[in-house]
Amino acid sequence: MLRNSIIHKEKQLVMKYLFLTIVALLILQFSNKSIAQLPVKTLAQQSELIKSNDATLSKNKKLVYDMWREFLEGGHMELAEKYFAEDYKQHNPLAGTGRKALVDFFSRFSKPKEIVDSIKSSVVAIVAEGDLVMLSFVREMTDPADKTKKYTTTWFDMFRIENGKIAEHWDCAQK
C-alpha cells in the first residue's frame, strides 16, 4: 500500500514537471518574435573598413567603395568606364549584363548629385578575399506581422575585380 502511494506521488510529480516543461516551451515558441533578433549595426567606421594589410585587397575594397559612392549613390553614370569592365557580368535578376546595360538600368532612376566622402547607406562590413569584394549593409524592413513595426536585416553585394575594374556582381535581389 505504501509502495503504491509512493509510485502514485512520483507519477504526479513527473506529470507536473512534464506539464510545466510543455508550458515553458509554448511560451518560448510564441514569445520568440519579441526576443529573436538583435538589430544589425555597423562594425566600424567606413574609413577603417576599406583598410587591409594586403595592398591588392585594400585597392579592390577602395575601388568598390568609390564606385558605390560616385556611380551608384552619386548617380554619375559617366564614371561607368572608370569602374566597370565592358563585358561586366550581372547576376541581379532585375538588371542586364554588360556595362552599357548597367548604365541604361541606373540612368532610369538615378540623377547626378554631389559625391560625398562616405557611403550614405549604413555599411556593416567590407570584406575582400582574392578577387572578390563584398559589402554588407543594414537594411530596415517592415514587419509583415505588424506593418507599424520595423526590423533590420542585412543586404549583401559582392563584386569580382579583374584588371582593376569590376567584372561581375552578385546580390540577394529577387524578381
N, C-alpha and C. Protein backbone atom coordinates (compact mmCIF):
# COMPACT_ATOMS: atom_id res chain seq x y z
N MET A 1 0.82 -1.18 0.00
CA MET A 1 0.00 0.00 0.00
C MET A 1 0.87 1.26 0.00
N LEU A 2 1.86 1.30 0.88
CA LEU A 2 2.78 2.42 0.96
C LEU A 2 3.54 2.58 -0.37
N ARG A 3 3.94 1.45 -0.93
CA ARG A 3 4.66 1.46 -2.19
C ARG A 3 3.79 2.05 -3.30
N ASN A 4 2.52 1.69 -3.38
CA ASN A 4 1.60 2.23 -4.38
C ASN A 4 1.41 3.73 -4.20
N SER A 5 1.37 4.19 -2.99
CA SER A 5 1.21 5.61 -2.69
C SER A 5 2.43 6.39 -3.17
N ILE A 6 3.61 5.83 -2.94
CA ILE A 6 4.86 6.49 -3.38
C ILE A 6 4.91 6.55 -4.90
N ILE A 7 4.56 5.45 -5.57
CA ILE A 7 4.55 5.41 -7.03
C ILE A 7 3.55 6.43 -7.58
N HIS A 8 2.38 6.52 -6.96
CA HIS A 8 1.36 7.47 -7.38
C HIS A 8 1.87 8.91 -7.26
N LYS A 9 2.53 9.24 -6.16
CA LYS A 9 3.07 10.59 -5.95
C LYS A 9 4.18 10.88 -6.96
N GLU A 10 5.01 9.89 -7.25
CA GLU A 10 6.07 10.08 -8.23
C GLU A 10 5.49 10.35 -9.62
N LYS A 11 4.42 9.62 -9.97
CA LYS A 11 3.77 9.85 -11.26
C LYS A 11 3.18 11.25 -11.32
N GLN A 12 2.58 11.69 -10.23
CA GLN A 12 2.01 13.04 -10.19
C GLN A 12 3.12 14.10 -10.37
N LEU A 13 4.24 13.87 -9.72
CA LEU A 13 5.37 14.80 -9.82
C LEU A 13 5.92 14.84 -11.25
N VAL A 14 6.07 13.69 -11.86
CA VAL A 14 6.55 13.62 -13.25
C VAL A 14 5.57 14.34 -14.17
N MET A 15 4.28 14.12 -14.00
CA MET A 15 3.26 14.77 -14.82
C MET A 15 3.30 16.29 -14.63
N LYS A 16 3.50 16.72 -13.38
CA LYS A 16 3.57 18.15 -13.09
C LYS A 16 4.76 18.77 -13.82
N TYR A 17 5.93 18.14 -13.75
CA TYR A 17 7.12 18.67 -14.43
C TYR A 17 6.98 18.61 -15.95
N LEU A 18 6.37 17.58 -16.47
CA LEU A 18 6.11 17.47 -17.90
C LEU A 18 5.18 18.60 -18.35
N PHE A 19 4.12 18.84 -17.59
CA PHE A 19 3.19 19.92 -17.90
C PHE A 19 3.90 21.28 -17.88
N LEU A 20 4.72 21.53 -16.86
CA LEU A 20 5.45 22.80 -16.76
C LEU A 20 6.45 22.96 -17.91
N THR A 21 7.09 21.87 -18.30
CA THR A 21 8.03 21.92 -19.42
C THR A 21 7.31 22.27 -20.72
N ILE A 22 6.16 21.65 -20.95
CA ILE A 22 5.38 21.94 -22.15
C ILE A 22 4.92 23.40 -22.15
N VAL A 23 4.45 23.90 -21.02
CA VAL A 23 4.02 25.30 -20.92
C VAL A 23 5.20 26.23 -21.20
N ALA A 24 6.37 25.93 -20.63
CA ALA A 24 7.56 26.77 -20.85
C ALA A 24 7.94 26.77 -22.33
N LEU A 25 7.91 25.62 -22.99
CA LEU A 25 8.23 25.55 -24.41
C LEU A 25 7.23 26.33 -25.26
N LEU A 26 5.96 26.26 -24.91
CA LEU A 26 4.96 27.03 -25.64
C LEU A 26 5.16 28.53 -25.46
N ILE A 27 5.49 28.94 -24.27
CA ILE A 27 5.76 30.36 -24.02
C ILE A 27 6.95 30.82 -24.86
N LEU A 28 8.02 30.03 -24.88
CA LEU A 28 9.19 30.38 -25.69
C LEU A 28 8.85 30.43 -27.17
N GLN A 29 8.07 29.47 -27.63
CA GLN A 29 7.69 29.41 -29.04
C GLN A 29 6.92 30.65 -29.47
N PHE A 30 5.95 31.06 -28.69
CA PHE A 30 5.09 32.17 -29.10
C PHE A 30 5.64 33.53 -28.70
N SER A 31 6.62 33.57 -27.83
CA SER A 31 7.22 34.87 -27.49
C SER A 31 8.52 35.08 -28.26
N ASN A 32 8.88 34.14 -29.10
CA ASN A 32 10.14 34.18 -29.83
C ASN A 32 10.30 35.44 -30.67
N LYS A 33 9.22 35.96 -31.24
CA LYS A 33 9.33 37.14 -32.09
C LYS A 33 9.84 38.35 -31.33
N SER A 34 9.56 38.45 -30.07
CA SER A 34 9.99 39.62 -29.31
C SER A 34 11.43 39.50 -28.82
N ILE A 35 11.99 38.31 -28.81
CA ILE A 35 13.35 38.15 -28.29
C ILE A 35 14.32 37.57 -29.31
N ALA A 36 13.88 37.37 -30.54
CA ALA A 36 14.66 36.60 -31.51
C ALA A 36 15.84 37.34 -32.13
N GLN A 37 15.76 38.63 -32.30
CA GLN A 37 16.75 39.29 -33.14
C GLN A 37 17.39 40.49 -32.48
N LEU A 38 18.68 40.60 -32.69
CA LEU A 38 19.40 41.82 -32.33
C LEU A 38 19.43 42.71 -33.55
N PRO A 39 19.38 44.01 -33.38
CA PRO A 39 19.45 44.90 -34.55
C PRO A 39 20.81 44.79 -35.24
N VAL A 40 20.81 44.91 -36.56
CA VAL A 40 22.04 44.90 -37.34
C VAL A 40 22.71 46.27 -37.19
N LYS A 41 24.02 46.26 -36.91
CA LYS A 41 24.77 47.51 -36.72
C LYS A 41 26.09 47.44 -37.47
N THR A 42 26.64 48.61 -37.77
CA THR A 42 27.93 48.67 -38.45
C THR A 42 29.04 48.18 -37.52
N LEU A 43 30.10 47.64 -38.10
CA LEU A 43 31.22 47.10 -37.31
C LEU A 43 32.29 48.14 -37.00
N ALA A 44 32.43 49.13 -37.89
CA ALA A 44 33.47 50.15 -37.71
C ALA A 44 33.18 51.32 -38.64
N GLN A 45 33.97 52.37 -38.52
CA GLN A 45 33.88 53.50 -39.44
C GLN A 45 34.24 53.00 -40.85
N GLN A 46 33.59 53.58 -41.85
CA GLN A 46 33.85 53.14 -43.23
C GLN A 46 35.31 53.28 -43.62
N SER A 47 35.97 54.33 -43.15
CA SER A 47 37.39 54.53 -43.47
C SER A 47 38.24 53.37 -42.95
N GLU A 48 37.82 52.74 -41.87
CA GLU A 48 38.54 51.58 -41.32
C GLU A 48 38.20 50.31 -42.09
N LEU A 49 36.96 50.22 -42.58
CA LEU A 49 36.51 49.02 -43.27
C LEU A 49 37.22 48.80 -44.60
N ILE A 50 37.70 49.87 -45.22
CA ILE A 50 38.37 49.70 -46.52
C ILE A 50 39.87 49.38 -46.39
N LYS A 51 40.37 49.40 -45.18
CA LYS A 51 41.79 49.09 -44.96
C LYS A 51 42.04 47.59 -44.98
N SER A 52 43.26 47.23 -45.39
CA SER A 52 43.70 45.84 -45.36
C SER A 52 45.21 45.82 -45.30
N ASN A 53 45.78 44.79 -44.70
CA ASN A 53 47.24 44.62 -44.67
C ASN A 53 47.77 44.22 -46.04
N ASP A 54 46.89 43.71 -46.89
CA ASP A 54 47.25 43.29 -48.24
C ASP A 54 46.92 44.44 -49.19
N ALA A 55 47.91 44.95 -49.91
CA ALA A 55 47.74 46.12 -50.78
C ALA A 55 46.70 45.87 -51.88
N THR A 56 46.68 44.68 -52.45
CA THR A 56 45.71 44.37 -53.50
C THR A 56 44.29 44.35 -52.97
N LEU A 57 44.12 43.73 -51.80
CA LEU A 57 42.78 43.70 -51.20
C LEU A 57 42.30 45.11 -50.84
N SER A 58 43.20 45.91 -50.33
CA SER A 58 42.87 47.30 -49.98
C SER A 58 42.47 48.07 -51.24
N LYS A 59 43.22 47.89 -52.32
CA LYS A 59 42.94 48.57 -53.59
C LYS A 59 41.57 48.12 -54.13
N ASN A 60 41.28 46.83 -54.06
CA ASN A 60 39.99 46.31 -54.53
C ASN A 60 38.82 46.84 -53.69
N LYS A 61 39.02 46.89 -52.37
CA LYS A 61 37.98 47.44 -51.50
C LYS A 61 37.71 48.90 -51.82
N LYS A 62 38.78 49.66 -52.04
CA LYS A 62 38.65 51.09 -52.35
C LYS A 62 37.94 51.29 -53.69
N LEU A 63 38.25 50.45 -54.67
CA LEU A 63 37.59 50.53 -55.98
C LEU A 63 36.07 50.37 -55.82
N VAL A 64 35.65 49.35 -55.12
CA VAL A 64 34.22 49.10 -54.93
C VAL A 64 33.59 50.21 -54.08
N TYR A 65 34.29 50.62 -53.05
CA TYR A 65 33.80 51.70 -52.18
C TYR A 65 33.59 53.00 -52.97
N ASP A 66 34.57 53.37 -53.76
CA ASP A 66 34.46 54.60 -54.56
C ASP A 66 33.37 54.48 -55.62
N MET A 67 33.26 53.31 -56.26
CA MET A 67 32.22 53.10 -57.25
C MET A 67 30.85 53.29 -56.60
N TRP A 68 30.68 52.73 -55.40
CA TRP A 68 29.39 52.83 -54.72
C TRP A 68 29.04 54.30 -54.46
N ARG A 69 30.01 55.07 -53.97
CA ARG A 69 29.76 56.48 -53.64
C ARG A 69 29.52 57.33 -54.90
N GLU A 70 30.37 57.15 -55.89
CA GLU A 70 30.35 58.03 -57.06
C GLU A 70 29.33 57.61 -58.13
N PHE A 71 29.29 56.33 -58.43
CA PHE A 71 28.42 55.85 -59.50
C PHE A 71 27.01 55.56 -58.98
N LEU A 72 26.89 54.69 -57.98
CA LEU A 72 25.56 54.29 -57.52
C LEU A 72 24.85 55.38 -56.72
N GLU A 73 25.47 55.83 -55.64
CA GLU A 73 24.81 56.85 -54.82
C GLU A 73 24.93 58.25 -55.43
N GLY A 74 26.04 58.54 -56.08
CA GLY A 74 26.24 59.85 -56.69
C GLY A 74 25.53 60.02 -58.02
N GLY A 75 25.15 58.89 -58.65
CA GLY A 75 24.43 58.96 -59.91
C GLY A 75 25.25 59.40 -61.10
N HIS A 76 26.56 59.32 -61.01
CA HIS A 76 27.44 59.77 -62.10
C HIS A 76 27.71 58.62 -63.07
N MET A 77 26.78 58.46 -64.00
CA MET A 77 26.84 57.38 -64.99
C MET A 77 28.06 57.52 -65.90
N GLU A 78 28.55 58.74 -66.04
CA GLU A 78 29.72 58.98 -66.91
C GLU A 78 30.97 58.32 -66.35
N LEU A 79 30.94 57.87 -65.10
CA LEU A 79 32.09 57.21 -64.48
C LEU A 79 32.07 55.69 -64.66
N ALA A 80 31.10 55.18 -65.38
CA ALA A 80 30.97 53.72 -65.55
C ALA A 80 32.25 53.09 -66.10
N GLU A 81 32.86 53.72 -67.08
CA GLU A 81 34.07 53.16 -67.70
C GLU A 81 35.23 53.09 -66.71
N LYS A 82 35.27 54.03 -65.78
CA LYS A 82 36.32 54.05 -64.74
C LYS A 82 36.21 52.82 -63.83
N TYR A 83 35.00 52.34 -63.60
CA TYR A 83 34.78 51.29 -62.60
C TYR A 83 34.44 49.92 -63.16
N PHE A 84 33.78 49.84 -64.32
CA PHE A 84 33.23 48.57 -64.79
C PHE A 84 33.89 48.11 -66.08
N ALA A 85 34.17 46.82 -66.15
CA ALA A 85 34.65 46.21 -67.39
C ALA A 85 33.52 46.29 -68.42
N GLU A 86 33.89 46.38 -69.69
CA GLU A 86 32.87 46.48 -70.73
C GLU A 86 31.96 45.25 -70.75
N ASP A 87 32.55 44.08 -70.50
CA ASP A 87 31.76 42.84 -70.50
C ASP A 87 31.30 42.43 -69.09
N TYR A 88 31.10 43.42 -68.25
CA TYR A 88 30.61 43.25 -66.87
C TYR A 88 29.46 42.25 -66.83
N LYS A 89 29.53 41.31 -65.89
CA LYS A 89 28.51 40.27 -65.75
C LYS A 89 27.62 40.59 -64.55
N GLN A 90 26.32 40.56 -64.78
CA GLN A 90 25.35 40.92 -63.76
C GLN A 90 24.52 39.70 -63.38
N HIS A 91 24.42 39.43 -62.07
CA HIS A 91 23.62 38.30 -61.59
C HIS A 91 22.36 38.74 -60.86
N ASN A 92 22.11 40.03 -60.82
CA ASN A 92 20.86 40.55 -60.27
C ASN A 92 19.78 40.30 -61.31
N PRO A 93 18.66 39.66 -60.96
CA PRO A 93 17.64 39.31 -61.95
C PRO A 93 16.88 40.51 -62.53
N LEU A 94 17.11 41.70 -61.99
CA LEU A 94 16.39 42.88 -62.45
C LEU A 94 17.19 43.72 -63.45
N ALA A 95 18.48 43.44 -63.59
CA ALA A 95 19.35 44.26 -64.44
C ALA A 95 20.06 43.39 -65.47
N GLY A 96 20.42 44.00 -66.59
CA GLY A 96 21.09 43.27 -67.67
C GLY A 96 22.59 43.21 -67.49
N THR A 97 23.21 42.38 -68.30
CA THR A 97 24.65 42.19 -68.29
C THR A 97 25.32 43.16 -69.25
N GLY A 98 26.53 43.54 -68.91
CA GLY A 98 27.31 44.48 -69.73
C GLY A 98 27.29 45.87 -69.13
N ARG A 99 28.39 46.60 -69.35
CA ARG A 99 28.50 47.96 -68.81
C ARG A 99 27.39 48.86 -69.35
N LYS A 100 27.09 48.77 -70.65
CA LYS A 100 26.04 49.61 -71.24
C LYS A 100 24.69 49.31 -70.59
N ALA A 101 24.37 48.04 -70.40
CA ALA A 101 23.09 47.66 -69.76
C ALA A 101 23.02 48.19 -68.33
N LEU A 102 24.15 48.18 -67.64
CA LEU A 102 24.20 48.71 -66.27
C LEU A 102 23.89 50.21 -66.26
N VAL A 103 24.52 50.95 -67.15
CA VAL A 103 24.29 52.39 -67.25
C VAL A 103 22.83 52.66 -67.63
N ASP A 104 22.32 51.92 -68.61
CA ASP A 104 20.92 52.10 -69.02
C ASP A 104 19.97 51.85 -67.85
N PHE A 105 20.23 50.81 -67.08
CA PHE A 105 19.39 50.46 -65.93
C PHE A 105 19.37 51.58 -64.90
N PHE A 106 20.56 52.03 -64.47
CA PHE A 106 20.62 53.04 -63.41
C PHE A 106 20.24 54.44 -63.91
N SER A 107 20.40 54.71 -65.18
CA SER A 107 20.04 56.02 -65.73
C SER A 107 18.53 56.27 -65.64
N ARG A 108 17.74 55.22 -65.56
CA ARG A 108 16.28 55.37 -65.48
C ARG A 108 15.83 56.05 -64.19
N PHE A 109 16.58 55.88 -63.11
CA PHE A 109 16.12 56.44 -61.83
C PHE A 109 17.21 57.14 -61.04
N SER A 110 18.37 57.31 -61.60
CA SER A 110 19.47 57.95 -60.88
C SER A 110 19.92 59.20 -61.62
N LYS A 111 19.95 60.30 -60.92
CA LYS A 111 20.41 61.57 -61.48
C LYS A 111 21.66 62.00 -60.72
N PRO A 112 22.60 62.66 -61.42
CA PRO A 112 23.84 63.08 -60.74
C PRO A 112 23.57 64.02 -59.56
N LYS A 113 24.29 63.75 -58.49
CA LYS A 113 24.24 64.61 -57.30
C LYS A 113 25.65 64.73 -56.74
N GLU A 114 25.78 65.53 -55.73
CA GLU A 114 27.10 65.73 -55.12
C GLU A 114 27.64 64.41 -54.58
N ILE A 115 28.91 64.16 -54.86
CA ILE A 115 29.58 62.96 -54.35
C ILE A 115 30.10 63.27 -52.95
N VAL A 116 29.77 62.41 -52.01
CA VAL A 116 30.20 62.62 -50.62
C VAL A 116 31.32 61.66 -50.27
N ASP A 117 31.97 61.90 -49.13
CA ASP A 117 33.16 61.15 -48.72
C ASP A 117 32.90 59.74 -48.22
N SER A 118 31.66 59.43 -47.89
CA SER A 118 31.36 58.09 -47.40
C SER A 118 30.06 57.58 -48.01
N ILE A 119 29.86 56.29 -47.96
CA ILE A 119 28.63 55.69 -48.46
C ILE A 119 27.50 56.13 -47.54
N LYS A 120 26.41 56.59 -48.14
CA LYS A 120 25.27 57.09 -47.36
C LYS A 120 24.57 55.98 -46.59
N SER A 121 24.46 54.82 -47.19
CA SER A 121 23.83 53.67 -46.52
C SER A 121 24.70 53.21 -45.36
N SER A 122 24.08 52.57 -44.38
CA SER A 122 24.83 52.05 -43.22
C SER A 122 25.56 50.77 -43.62
N VAL A 123 26.87 50.86 -43.72
CA VAL A 123 27.70 49.72 -44.12
C VAL A 123 28.05 48.92 -42.87
N VAL A 124 27.75 47.63 -42.89
CA VAL A 124 28.10 46.74 -41.78
C VAL A 124 29.57 46.35 -41.90
N ALA A 125 29.96 45.90 -43.10
CA ALA A 125 31.33 45.44 -43.30
C ALA A 125 31.70 45.51 -44.78
N ILE A 126 33.00 45.58 -45.04
CA ILE A 126 33.56 45.46 -46.39
C ILE A 126 34.63 44.38 -46.28
N VAL A 127 34.42 43.28 -46.99
CA VAL A 127 35.29 42.12 -46.87
C VAL A 127 35.88 41.82 -48.24
N ALA A 128 37.18 41.54 -48.29
CA ALA A 128 37.84 41.18 -49.54
C ALA A 128 38.62 39.89 -49.37
N GLU A 129 38.53 39.06 -50.39
CA GLU A 129 39.26 37.80 -50.42
C GLU A 129 39.57 37.50 -51.88
N GLY A 130 40.85 37.35 -52.21
CA GLY A 130 41.23 37.11 -53.60
C GLY A 130 40.76 38.27 -54.47
N ASP A 131 39.99 37.95 -55.53
CA ASP A 131 39.49 39.00 -56.43
C ASP A 131 38.05 39.42 -56.11
N LEU A 132 37.55 39.01 -54.94
CA LEU A 132 36.18 39.33 -54.55
C LEU A 132 36.13 40.38 -53.45
N VAL A 133 35.15 41.27 -53.55
CA VAL A 133 34.88 42.27 -52.51
C VAL A 133 33.39 42.19 -52.20
N MET A 134 33.07 42.10 -50.91
CA MET A 134 31.67 42.05 -50.51
C MET A 134 31.37 43.20 -49.56
N LEU A 135 30.28 43.90 -49.86
CA LEU A 135 29.75 44.94 -48.97
C LEU A 135 28.49 44.37 -48.32
N SER A 136 28.34 44.63 -47.03
CA SER A 136 27.09 44.27 -46.37
C SER A 136 26.51 45.53 -45.73
N PHE A 137 25.20 45.66 -45.82
CA PHE A 137 24.51 46.87 -45.38
C PHE A 137 23.40 46.55 -44.39
N VAL A 138 23.11 47.51 -43.52
CA VAL A 138 21.92 47.42 -42.68
C VAL A 138 20.74 47.69 -43.61
N ARG A 139 19.73 46.85 -43.51
CA ARG A 139 18.52 47.06 -44.31
C ARG A 139 17.33 47.02 -43.37
N GLU A 140 16.57 48.11 -43.35
CA GLU A 140 15.38 48.18 -42.50
C GLU A 140 14.17 47.74 -43.31
N MET A 141 13.37 46.88 -42.70
CA MET A 141 12.20 46.32 -43.37
C MET A 141 10.96 46.50 -42.49
N THR A 142 9.80 46.43 -43.12
CA THR A 142 8.54 46.46 -42.38
C THR A 142 8.21 45.04 -41.94
N ASP A 143 7.83 44.90 -40.69
CA ASP A 143 7.47 43.60 -40.13
C ASP A 143 6.18 43.13 -40.79
N PRO A 144 6.19 41.98 -41.48
CA PRO A 144 4.97 41.52 -42.15
C PRO A 144 3.84 41.17 -41.17
N ALA A 145 4.20 40.84 -39.93
CA ALA A 145 3.18 40.51 -38.93
C ALA A 145 2.54 41.76 -38.32
N ASP A 146 3.26 42.88 -38.37
CA ASP A 146 2.75 44.13 -37.81
C ASP A 146 3.32 45.29 -38.63
N LYS A 147 2.55 45.79 -39.56
CA LYS A 147 3.01 46.83 -40.50
C LYS A 147 3.43 48.13 -39.82
N THR A 148 3.12 48.30 -38.55
CA THR A 148 3.53 49.50 -37.82
C THR A 148 4.94 49.38 -37.26
N LYS A 149 5.52 48.18 -37.36
CA LYS A 149 6.85 47.94 -36.79
C LYS A 149 7.89 47.71 -37.88
N LYS A 150 9.12 48.02 -37.56
CA LYS A 150 10.27 47.81 -38.45
C LYS A 150 11.23 46.83 -37.79
N TYR A 151 12.05 46.21 -38.60
CA TYR A 151 13.15 45.39 -38.11
C TYR A 151 14.33 45.57 -39.05
N THR A 152 15.52 45.16 -38.63
CA THR A 152 16.68 45.26 -39.50
C THR A 152 17.15 43.88 -39.93
N THR A 153 17.70 43.84 -41.11
CA THR A 153 18.33 42.64 -41.63
C THR A 153 19.56 43.10 -42.41
N THR A 154 20.17 42.22 -43.17
CA THR A 154 21.40 42.56 -43.86
C THR A 154 21.26 42.33 -45.36
N TRP A 155 21.74 43.28 -46.15
CA TRP A 155 21.78 43.17 -47.60
C TRP A 155 23.24 42.98 -48.01
N PHE A 156 23.48 42.13 -48.99
CA PHE A 156 24.83 41.85 -49.45
C PHE A 156 24.99 42.14 -50.93
N ASP A 157 26.12 42.73 -51.30
CA ASP A 157 26.53 42.89 -52.69
C ASP A 157 27.97 42.38 -52.78
N MET A 158 28.23 41.54 -53.78
CA MET A 158 29.59 41.02 -53.96
C MET A 158 30.03 41.31 -55.39
N PHE A 159 31.30 41.70 -55.50
CA PHE A 159 31.87 42.08 -56.79
C PHE A 159 33.16 41.30 -57.03
N ARG A 160 33.39 40.95 -58.30
CA ARG A 160 34.67 40.33 -58.69
C ARG A 160 35.45 41.37 -59.47
N ILE A 161 36.71 41.53 -59.08
CA ILE A 161 37.59 42.52 -59.70
C ILE A 161 38.52 41.80 -60.68
N GLU A 162 38.66 42.40 -61.87
CA GLU A 162 39.56 41.85 -62.89
C GLU A 162 40.24 43.01 -63.60
N ASN A 163 41.56 43.00 -63.62
CA ASN A 163 42.33 44.06 -64.28
C ASN A 163 41.94 45.46 -63.80
N GLY A 164 41.72 45.59 -62.50
CA GLY A 164 41.44 46.89 -61.90
C GLY A 164 40.04 47.43 -62.12
N LYS A 165 39.13 46.58 -62.62
CA LYS A 165 37.74 47.01 -62.84
C LYS A 165 36.79 45.96 -62.30
N ILE A 166 35.57 46.39 -62.05
CA ILE A 166 34.54 45.46 -61.57
C ILE A 166 34.05 44.66 -62.78
N ALA A 167 34.21 43.34 -62.68
CA ALA A 167 33.88 42.46 -63.80
C ALA A 167 32.60 41.68 -63.58
N GLU A 168 32.14 41.58 -62.32
CA GLU A 168 30.98 40.74 -62.04
C GLU A 168 30.34 41.17 -60.73
N HIS A 169 29.02 40.96 -60.63
CA HIS A 169 28.26 41.38 -59.44
C HIS A 169 27.21 40.35 -59.06
N TRP A 170 27.06 40.13 -57.75
CA TRP A 170 26.01 39.29 -57.17
C TRP A 170 25.36 40.05 -56.03
N ASP A 171 24.07 39.82 -55.83
CA ASP A 171 23.38 40.33 -54.64
C ASP A 171 22.22 39.40 -54.33
N CYS A 172 21.39 39.78 -53.39
CA CYS A 172 20.28 38.91 -52.98
C CYS A 172 18.94 39.43 -53.49
N ALA A 173 18.96 40.20 -54.58
CA ALA A 173 17.71 40.74 -55.15
C ALA A 173 16.85 39.61 -55.72
N GLN A 174 15.57 39.84 -55.68
CA GLN A 174 14.60 38.89 -56.25
C GLN A 174 13.77 39.61 -57.30
N LYS A 175 13.18 38.83 -58.20
CA LYS A 175 12.29 39.42 -59.23
C LYS A 175 11.05 39.97 -58.57
